[in-house]
N, C-alpha and C. Protein backbone atom coordinates (compact mmCIF):
# COMPACT_ATOMS: atom_id res chain seq x y z
N UNK A 1 79.22 92.51 66.33
CA UNK A 1 80.51 92.99 66.38
C UNK A 1 81.52 91.92 66.37
N UNK A 2 82.61 91.71 65.73
CA UNK A 2 83.49 90.90 65.93
C UNK A 2 84.49 91.20 67.07
N UNK A 3 85.07 90.15 67.83
CA UNK A 3 85.88 90.48 68.87
C UNK A 3 86.83 89.40 69.22
N UNK A 4 87.76 90.00 69.73
CA UNK A 4 88.70 88.71 70.23
C UNK A 4 89.47 89.09 71.48
N UNK A 5 89.77 88.20 72.42
CA UNK A 5 90.37 88.58 73.64
C UNK A 5 91.64 89.49 73.61
N UNK A 6 91.47 90.58 74.42
CA UNK A 6 92.62 91.53 74.74
C UNK A 6 92.39 92.84 73.75
N UNK A 7 91.48 92.91 72.87
CA UNK A 7 91.43 94.22 72.05
C UNK A 7 90.58 95.27 72.76
N UNK A 8 90.77 96.51 72.40
CA UNK A 8 89.79 97.44 72.81
C UNK A 8 88.30 97.31 72.05
N UNK A 9 87.32 97.22 72.70
CA UNK A 9 86.04 96.70 72.09
C UNK A 9 85.08 97.84 71.81
N UNK A 10 84.97 98.71 72.65
CA UNK A 10 84.05 99.80 72.96
C UNK A 10 84.54 101.06 73.49
N UNK A 11 83.93 102.38 73.15
CA UNK A 11 84.27 103.32 73.96
C UNK A 11 82.91 104.22 74.09
N UNK A 12 82.84 104.69 75.34
CA UNK A 12 81.58 105.19 75.81
C UNK A 12 81.94 106.56 76.66
N UNK A 13 81.11 107.45 76.32
CA UNK A 13 81.17 108.87 76.92
C UNK A 13 80.06 108.75 78.13
N UNK A 14 80.55 108.88 79.38
CA UNK A 14 79.78 108.98 80.52
C UNK A 14 79.45 110.56 80.72
N UNK A 15 78.09 111.03 80.66
CA UNK A 15 77.94 112.43 80.48
C UNK A 15 76.62 112.79 81.44
N UNK A 16 76.64 113.93 81.91
CA UNK A 16 75.60 114.54 82.64
C UNK A 16 74.52 115.20 81.88
N UNK A 17 74.79 115.54 80.59
CA UNK A 17 74.02 116.11 79.49
C UNK A 17 74.15 115.46 78.21
N UNK A 18 73.31 114.24 77.86
CA UNK A 18 73.49 113.67 76.70
C UNK A 18 73.13 114.39 75.48
N UNK A 19 72.34 115.27 75.53
CA UNK A 19 71.74 116.07 74.38
C UNK A 19 72.86 117.15 73.94
N UNK A 20 73.58 117.69 75.04
CA UNK A 20 74.75 118.47 74.57
C UNK A 20 75.70 117.74 73.98
N UNK A 21 76.23 116.42 74.49
CA UNK A 21 77.11 115.48 73.86
C UNK A 21 76.72 115.23 72.42
N UNK A 22 75.55 114.80 72.26
CA UNK A 22 75.11 114.50 71.07
C UNK A 22 75.25 115.63 69.88
N UNK A 23 74.89 116.93 70.43
CA UNK A 23 74.84 118.00 69.36
C UNK A 23 76.24 118.24 69.15
N UNK A 24 77.17 118.27 70.09
CA UNK A 24 78.65 118.39 69.84
C UNK A 24 79.22 117.38 68.79
N UNK A 25 78.95 116.08 69.15
CA UNK A 25 79.72 115.08 68.14
C UNK A 25 78.97 114.92 66.85
N UNK A 26 77.75 115.24 66.78
CA UNK A 26 77.02 115.31 65.55
C UNK A 26 77.60 116.48 64.70
N UNK A 27 77.80 117.62 65.32
CA UNK A 27 78.20 118.80 64.57
C UNK A 27 79.69 118.67 64.31
N UNK A 28 80.52 118.16 65.35
CA UNK A 28 81.99 118.17 65.09
C UNK A 28 82.59 117.07 64.08
N UNK A 29 81.96 115.87 64.31
CA UNK A 29 82.56 114.71 63.49
C UNK A 29 81.44 113.96 62.70
N UNK A 30 80.15 114.43 62.68
CA UNK A 30 79.05 113.83 61.80
C UNK A 30 78.36 112.64 62.39
N UNK A 31 78.43 112.42 63.63
CA UNK A 31 77.93 111.22 64.12
C UNK A 31 76.43 111.32 64.13
N UNK A 32 75.69 110.22 63.92
CA UNK A 32 74.25 110.17 64.18
C UNK A 32 74.10 109.32 65.45
N UNK A 33 72.95 109.25 66.03
CA UNK A 33 72.53 108.40 67.27
C UNK A 33 71.35 107.62 67.15
N UNK A 34 71.36 106.32 67.64
CA UNK A 34 70.36 105.58 67.75
C UNK A 34 69.95 105.42 69.18
N UNK A 35 68.62 105.60 69.66
CA UNK A 35 68.49 105.19 71.07
C UNK A 35 68.48 103.70 71.28
N UNK A 36 68.77 103.61 72.62
CA UNK A 36 68.65 102.11 73.16
C UNK A 36 68.02 102.26 74.55
N UNK A 37 66.92 101.99 74.69
CA UNK A 37 66.09 102.10 76.07
C UNK A 37 66.92 101.16 77.18
N UNK A 38 67.08 101.74 78.15
CA UNK A 38 67.64 101.07 79.31
C UNK A 38 66.60 101.25 80.49
N UNK A 39 66.73 100.51 81.60
CA UNK A 39 65.75 100.55 82.79
C UNK A 39 65.78 102.03 83.32
N UNK A 40 66.91 102.71 83.39
CA UNK A 40 67.06 103.89 83.94
C UNK A 40 67.08 105.06 82.94
N UNK A 41 66.65 105.00 81.69
CA UNK A 41 66.87 106.01 80.79
C UNK A 41 67.23 105.55 79.28
N UNK A 42 67.79 106.21 78.51
CA UNK A 42 68.22 106.11 77.07
C UNK A 42 69.56 105.95 76.98
N UNK A 43 70.18 104.91 76.61
CA UNK A 43 71.57 104.94 76.12
C UNK A 43 71.72 105.31 74.51
N UNK A 44 72.61 105.99 74.21
CA UNK A 44 72.64 106.30 72.60
C UNK A 44 74.02 105.81 71.99
N UNK A 45 73.69 105.12 70.96
CA UNK A 45 74.83 104.41 70.25
C UNK A 45 74.91 105.40 69.21
N UNK A 46 76.29 105.79 69.21
CA UNK A 46 76.88 106.74 68.16
C UNK A 46 77.15 105.96 66.93
N UNK A 47 76.96 106.60 65.82
CA UNK A 47 77.04 105.82 64.49
C UNK A 47 77.81 106.88 63.54
N UNK A 48 78.57 106.29 62.66
CA UNK A 48 79.18 107.09 61.59
C UNK A 48 78.70 106.17 60.39
N UNK A 49 77.84 106.83 59.66
CA UNK A 49 77.02 106.02 58.56
C UNK A 49 76.49 104.90 59.37
N UNK A 50 76.37 103.62 58.98
CA UNK A 50 75.82 102.55 59.54
C UNK A 50 76.70 101.83 60.53
N UNK A 51 77.88 102.27 60.77
CA UNK A 51 78.91 101.68 61.61
C UNK A 51 78.69 102.28 63.06
N UNK A 52 78.43 101.39 63.99
CA UNK A 52 78.44 101.86 65.51
C UNK A 52 79.87 102.15 65.81
N UNK A 53 80.02 103.30 66.52
CA UNK A 53 81.46 103.74 66.73
C UNK A 53 81.76 104.00 68.24
N UNK A 54 80.58 104.03 69.16
CA UNK A 54 80.79 104.36 70.34
C UNK A 54 79.30 104.50 70.95
N UNK A 55 79.28 104.91 72.34
CA UNK A 55 78.09 105.12 73.01
C UNK A 55 78.23 106.51 73.95
N UNK A 56 76.86 106.90 74.22
CA UNK A 56 76.67 107.93 75.24
C UNK A 56 75.86 107.34 76.36
N UNK A 57 76.52 107.46 77.48
CA UNK A 57 75.82 106.82 78.63
C UNK A 57 75.34 107.96 79.48
N UNK A 58 73.93 108.43 79.75
CA UNK A 58 73.59 109.42 80.71
C UNK A 58 73.79 109.14 82.12
N UNK A 59 74.66 109.99 82.92
CA UNK A 59 74.91 109.78 84.19
C UNK A 59 73.72 110.59 84.94
N UNK A 60 72.61 109.88 84.90
CA UNK A 60 71.37 110.36 85.67
C UNK A 60 71.38 109.59 87.00
N UNK A 61 70.91 110.23 88.04
CA UNK A 61 70.71 109.75 89.30
C UNK A 61 71.81 110.14 90.55
N UNK A 62 71.48 109.97 91.69
CA UNK A 62 72.09 110.48 92.57
C UNK A 62 73.56 109.81 92.57
N UNK A 63 73.80 108.47 92.12
CA UNK A 63 75.09 107.81 92.30
C UNK A 63 76.19 108.33 91.50
N UNK A 64 75.67 109.45 90.60
CA UNK A 64 76.63 109.92 89.75
C UNK A 64 76.92 111.54 90.14
N UNK A 65 76.29 111.83 91.20
CA UNK A 65 76.50 113.18 91.68
C UNK A 65 77.91 113.70 92.13
N UNK A 66 78.56 114.59 91.43
CA UNK A 66 80.04 114.87 91.73
C UNK A 66 80.82 114.34 90.80
N UNK A 67 80.34 113.32 90.26
CA UNK A 67 81.35 112.51 89.21
C UNK A 67 81.61 113.29 87.97
N UNK A 68 82.73 113.51 87.50
CA UNK A 68 83.08 114.22 86.22
C UNK A 68 82.83 113.43 84.96
N UNK A 69 82.45 114.03 84.01
CA UNK A 69 82.32 113.36 82.36
C UNK A 69 83.73 112.79 82.09
N UNK A 70 83.50 111.71 81.53
CA UNK A 70 84.83 110.95 80.97
C UNK A 70 84.50 110.24 79.86
N UNK A 71 85.28 109.81 79.02
CA UNK A 71 85.30 108.64 78.19
C UNK A 71 85.68 107.38 78.83
N UNK A 72 85.15 106.36 78.60
CA UNK A 72 85.58 104.99 79.25
C UNK A 72 85.77 103.94 77.91
N UNK A 73 86.99 103.35 78.04
CA UNK A 73 87.31 102.27 77.16
C UNK A 73 86.79 100.81 77.70
N UNK A 74 86.47 100.01 76.82
CA UNK A 74 86.11 98.65 77.40
C UNK A 74 87.04 97.64 76.65
N UNK A 75 87.79 96.85 77.31
CA UNK A 75 88.51 95.78 76.63
C UNK A 75 87.93 94.47 76.67
N UNK A 76 87.86 93.83 75.64
CA UNK A 76 87.28 92.51 75.64
C UNK A 76 87.99 91.52 76.04
N UNK A 77 87.37 90.57 77.04
CA UNK A 77 88.18 89.60 77.83
C UNK A 77 87.33 88.28 77.56
N UNK A 78 88.01 87.19 77.55
CA UNK A 78 87.45 85.91 77.32
C UNK A 78 86.37 85.53 78.47
N UNK A 79 86.74 86.10 79.74
CA UNK A 79 85.78 85.49 80.82
C UNK A 79 86.13 86.73 81.99
N UNK A 80 85.30 87.60 82.08
CA UNK A 80 85.20 88.67 82.95
C UNK A 80 85.60 88.18 84.40
N UNK A 81 84.78 87.33 84.77
CA UNK A 81 85.01 86.89 86.35
C UNK A 81 86.39 86.36 86.55
N UNK A 82 86.77 85.50 85.83
CA UNK A 82 88.23 84.95 85.86
C UNK A 82 89.20 85.86 85.79
N UNK A 83 89.08 86.90 84.78
CA UNK A 83 90.01 87.94 84.63
C UNK A 83 89.97 88.99 85.73
N UNK A 84 88.92 89.19 86.47
CA UNK A 84 88.92 90.07 87.48
C UNK A 84 89.82 89.47 88.64
N UNK A 85 89.69 88.13 88.94
CA UNK A 85 90.61 87.41 89.75
C UNK A 85 92.05 87.73 89.67
N UNK A 86 92.33 87.57 88.36
CA UNK A 86 93.82 87.83 87.94
C UNK A 86 94.16 89.23 88.10
N UNK A 87 93.31 90.19 87.82
CA UNK A 87 93.60 91.39 87.86
C UNK A 87 93.77 91.97 89.23
N UNK A 88 92.91 91.59 90.16
CA UNK A 88 93.16 91.86 91.53
C UNK A 88 94.35 91.35 92.28
N UNK A 89 94.66 90.16 91.71
CA UNK A 89 95.87 89.42 92.18
C UNK A 89 97.05 90.21 91.92
N UNK A 90 96.97 91.08 90.87
CA UNK A 90 98.16 91.90 90.29
C UNK A 90 97.90 93.32 90.68
N UNK A 91 97.16 93.57 91.79
CA UNK A 91 97.09 95.09 92.17
C UNK A 91 95.79 95.86 91.73
N UNK A 92 94.96 95.31 90.88
CA UNK A 92 93.84 96.05 90.56
C UNK A 92 92.77 96.17 91.52
N UNK A 93 91.94 97.20 91.50
CA UNK A 93 90.86 97.37 92.49
C UNK A 93 89.53 97.45 91.50
N UNK A 94 88.65 96.45 92.10
CA UNK A 94 87.27 96.37 91.35
C UNK A 94 86.40 97.64 91.78
N UNK A 95 86.17 98.45 90.77
CA UNK A 95 85.26 99.62 91.06
C UNK A 95 83.77 99.19 90.87
N UNK A 96 83.57 98.35 90.07
CA UNK A 96 82.01 97.80 89.85
C UNK A 96 82.22 96.26 89.54
N UNK A 97 81.71 95.39 90.33
CA UNK A 97 81.96 93.90 90.13
C UNK A 97 80.99 93.56 88.94
N UNK A 98 81.50 92.40 88.39
CA UNK A 98 80.76 92.00 87.11
C UNK A 98 79.28 91.89 87.37
N UNK A 99 78.62 92.33 86.17
CA UNK A 99 77.21 92.52 86.04
C UNK A 99 76.82 92.06 84.40
N UNK A 100 75.54 91.56 84.34
CA UNK A 100 75.26 91.41 83.04
C UNK A 100 74.39 92.48 82.48
N UNK A 101 74.53 92.62 81.19
CA UNK A 101 73.63 93.47 80.45
C UNK A 101 73.07 92.79 79.32
N UNK A 102 71.84 92.35 79.33
CA UNK A 102 71.15 91.58 78.40
C UNK A 102 71.32 92.04 76.94
N UNK A 103 71.90 90.90 76.21
CA UNK A 103 72.00 91.26 74.70
C UNK A 103 73.22 91.72 74.47
N UNK A 104 74.08 92.33 75.45
CA UNK A 104 75.39 92.86 75.28
C UNK A 104 76.56 92.32 75.62
N UNK A 105 76.34 91.68 77.04
CA UNK A 105 77.45 91.00 77.39
C UNK A 105 77.71 91.12 79.03
N UNK A 106 78.81 90.64 79.59
CA UNK A 106 79.02 90.53 81.06
C UNK A 106 80.21 91.58 81.31
N UNK A 107 80.06 92.51 82.09
CA UNK A 107 81.00 93.57 82.25
C UNK A 107 81.36 93.85 83.62
N UNK A 108 82.52 94.46 83.82
CA UNK A 108 82.80 95.14 85.16
C UNK A 108 83.80 96.15 84.92
N UNK A 109 84.05 96.99 85.99
CA UNK A 109 84.87 98.13 85.88
C UNK A 109 86.11 98.19 87.01
N UNK A 110 87.18 98.28 86.49
CA UNK A 110 88.32 98.20 87.40
C UNK A 110 89.30 99.35 87.30
N UNK A 111 90.08 99.57 88.47
CA UNK A 111 91.19 100.78 88.33
C UNK A 111 92.45 99.84 88.57
N UNK A 112 93.11 100.07 87.38
CA UNK A 112 94.36 99.31 87.19
C UNK A 112 95.42 99.89 88.20
N UNK A 113 96.54 99.20 88.47
CA UNK A 113 97.42 99.53 89.63
C UNK A 113 97.94 101.07 89.39
N UNK A 114 97.91 101.64 88.23
CA UNK A 114 98.51 102.92 87.98
C UNK A 114 97.32 104.04 88.26
N UNK A 115 96.07 103.46 88.42
CA UNK A 115 95.03 104.35 88.76
C UNK A 115 93.98 104.60 87.73
N UNK A 116 94.27 104.29 86.40
CA UNK A 116 93.30 104.37 85.26
C UNK A 116 92.25 103.44 85.43
N UNK A 117 91.01 104.02 85.07
CA UNK A 117 89.75 103.12 85.11
C UNK A 117 89.64 102.57 83.63
N UNK A 118 89.09 101.44 83.67
CA UNK A 118 88.76 100.69 82.40
C UNK A 118 87.58 99.74 82.66
N UNK A 119 86.78 99.57 81.58
CA UNK A 119 85.86 98.60 81.54
C UNK A 119 86.25 97.30 80.93
N UNK A 120 85.96 96.28 81.48
CA UNK A 120 86.17 95.01 80.86
C UNK A 120 84.95 94.25 80.48
N UNK A 121 84.74 93.66 79.32
CA UNK A 121 83.48 93.27 78.90
C UNK A 121 83.76 91.79 78.13
N UNK A 122 82.98 90.72 78.48
CA UNK A 122 82.78 89.57 77.59
C UNK A 122 81.60 89.76 76.78
N UNK A 123 81.74 90.13 75.58
CA UNK A 123 80.44 90.25 74.64
C UNK A 123 79.76 89.13 74.46
N UNK A 124 78.36 89.29 74.46
CA UNK A 124 77.64 88.10 74.17
C UNK A 124 77.94 87.69 72.63
N UNK A 125 78.13 86.33 72.38
CA UNK A 125 78.36 85.70 71.02
C UNK A 125 77.18 86.19 69.99
N UNK A 126 77.76 86.69 68.86
CA UNK A 126 76.63 87.09 67.93
C UNK A 126 76.31 85.72 66.98
């Protein structure tokens, strides 16, 4: 997937019931889903035809207890670590520090000064 700094790169539904979400989006908009195994379960890549359009992240595990379901957008940035420093200097709070997802990129989650959460990602170069 082509990307450039500052664009919205990916959208992901974080849900407690991936099967319910898959059934809803398959029936409502015609998405299909490809499984992507993760260490703690299966991530679902949503597709429209052959085009990836988003993902479904199952919120399994105690760390997600009490957390409401939500859509999360990811903004592509040229250097997650450097941009986190700039963001915190401007009032953002780091919700999850930068981490690597093999084959995907380096990402982090912040709460911007207005309180909205967003993911930032430096995608791996294809």
